[in-house]
Amino acid sequence: MSAEIKSAQDYRAVLMAGGMPKECADRLVAYLDDEKPVENDIEKLLVSDLKIQMAEALSLSWIIRELRKIATGEDKQAAVAALQILRELSFRLLKAEPVFNEFG
């Protein structure tokens, strides 16, 4: 007997990884598991939204935006480290002008 991971378990894990308390994630997943009329297909909307959020969080442009924020922050060590990573990204991945031109 194989242990199949249901989509509800995936939703619960993603919600909890995003910071939602276990009790709230359990209630939402229980609601989504209930049979509902087709016109109230909130499950598809939530899954679609989660996929978009995950794709954005893992996208190169999001990473660059976050590194730019760190580079302009108060923590000088973090700023230097962020600039070094941005420089490496510019030369290794993008093979274009550095993505941090606005910093100097």
Protein backbone atom coordinates (compact mmCIF):
# COMPACT_ATOMS: atom_id res chain seq x y z
CA MET A 1 0.00 0.00 0.00
CA SER A 2 1.65 3.24 -1.11
CA ALA A 3 1.23 6.50 0.72
CA GLU A 4 -0.09 8.88 -1.88
CA ILE A 5 0.35 12.58 -1.18
CA LYS A 6 -2.95 14.34 -1.77
CA SER A 7 -3.14 17.87 -3.09
CA ALA A 8 -4.69 18.86 0.24
CA GLN A 9 -1.48 17.81 1.98
CA ASP A 10 0.49 19.93 -0.48
CA TYR A 11 -1.74 22.94 0.23
CA ARG A 12 -1.34 22.49 3.97
CA ALA A 13 2.44 22.26 3.68
CA VAL A 14 2.67 25.37 1.48
CA LEU A 15 0.39 27.36 3.77
CA MET A 16 2.37 26.38 6.85
CA ALA A 17 5.68 27.07 5.11
CA GLY A 18 4.34 30.54 4.36
CA GLY A 19 3.75 31.16 8.06
CA MET A 20 0.10 30.17 8.51
CA PRO A 21 -0.55 28.47 11.86
CA LYS A 22 -1.27 24.74 11.60
CA GLU A 23 -4.81 25.12 12.96
CA CYS A 24 -5.72 27.73 10.32
CA ALA A 25 -4.14 25.68 7.54
CA ASP A 26 -6.06 22.60 8.71
CA ARG A 27 -9.38 24.50 8.70
CA LEU A 28 -8.77 25.95 5.23
CA VAL A 29 -7.74 22.59 3.79
CA ALA A 30 -10.77 20.93 5.39
CA TYR A 31 -12.98 23.55 3.74
CA LEU A 32 -11.30 22.99 0.38
CA ASP A 33 -11.78 19.20 0.68
CA ASP A 34 -15.55 19.56 1.11
CA GLU A 35 -17.70 19.07 -1.99
CA LYS A 36 -18.81 22.45 -3.30
CA PRO A 37 -20.79 23.60 -6.31
CA VAL A 38 -18.69 24.27 -9.40
CA GLU A 39 -19.43 28.01 -9.38
CA ASN A 40 -17.68 28.31 -6.00
CA ASP A 41 -14.39 26.86 -7.18
CA ILE A 42 -12.19 28.72 -4.72
CA GLU A 43 -9.75 25.81 -4.68
CA LYS A 44 -8.66 26.48 -8.27
CA LEU A 45 -8.29 30.17 -7.52
CA LEU A 46 -6.17 29.54 -4.43
CA VAL A 47 -3.97 26.99 -6.20
CA SER A 48 -3.48 29.35 -9.12
CA ASP A 49 -2.55 32.19 -6.77
CA LEU A 50 -0.12 29.98 -4.83
CA LYS A 51 1.56 28.90 -8.06
CA ILE A 52 2.00 32.51 -9.13
CA GLN A 53 3.43 33.44 -5.72
CA MET A 54 5.87 30.52 -5.78
CA ALA A 55 6.99 31.29 -9.33
CA GLU A 56 7.57 34.93 -8.42
CA ALA A 57 9.43 34.02 -5.25
CA LEU A 58 11.79 31.80 -7.19
CA SER A 59 12.20 34.08 -10.19
CA LEU A 60 15.48 35.77 -10.94
CA SER A 61 13.88 39.21 -11.01
CA TRP A 62 12.48 38.73 -7.49
CA ILE A 63 15.89 37.60 -6.22
CA ILE A 64 17.54 40.63 -7.81
CA ARG A 65 14.93 43.00 -6.32
CA GLU A 66 15.49 41.54 -2.87
CA LEU A 67 19.27 41.76 -3.21
CA ARG A 68 18.95 45.40 -4.31
CA LYS A 69 16.91 46.15 -1.17
CA ILE A 70 19.60 44.55 0.97
CA ALA A 71 22.32 46.46 -0.90
CA THR A 72 20.68 49.78 -0.03
CA GLY A 73 19.96 48.81 3.57
CA GLU A 74 21.57 49.90 6.81
CA ASP A 75 23.62 46.73 7.36
CA LYS A 76 26.89 47.44 5.56
CA GLN A 77 28.15 43.84 5.65
CA ALA A 78 24.90 42.57 4.18
CA ALA A 79 25.02 45.34 1.57
CA VAL A 80 28.51 44.33 0.46
CA ALA A 81 27.54 40.66 0.32
CA ALA A 82 24.41 41.50 -1.71
CA LEU A 83 26.46 43.58 -4.15
CA GLN A 84 28.92 40.71 -4.58
CA ILE A 85 26.07 38.32 -5.36
CA LEU A 86 24.52 40.81 -7.79
CA ARG A 87 27.87 41.16 -9.52
CA GLU A 88 28.22 37.39 -9.86
CA LEU A 89 24.67 37.12 -11.20
CA SER A 90 25.40 39.82 -13.75
CA PHE A 91 28.47 38.11 -15.09
CA ARG A 92 27.51 34.44 -14.77
CA LEU A 93 23.81 34.32 -15.51
CA LEU A 94 22.90 37.40 -17.44
CA LYS A 95 26.11 38.03 -19.36
CA ALA A 96 25.03 41.65 -19.52
CA GLU A 97 25.78 44.89 -17.75
CA PRO A 98 25.79 44.61 -13.97
CA VAL A 99 22.32 44.70 -12.45
CA PHE A 100 23.49 47.12 -9.77
CA ASN A 101 24.59 50.01 -12.00
CA GLU A 102 22.48 52.42 -9.98
CA PHE A 103 24.73 51.83 -6.95
CA GLY A 104 27.95 52.98 -8.48
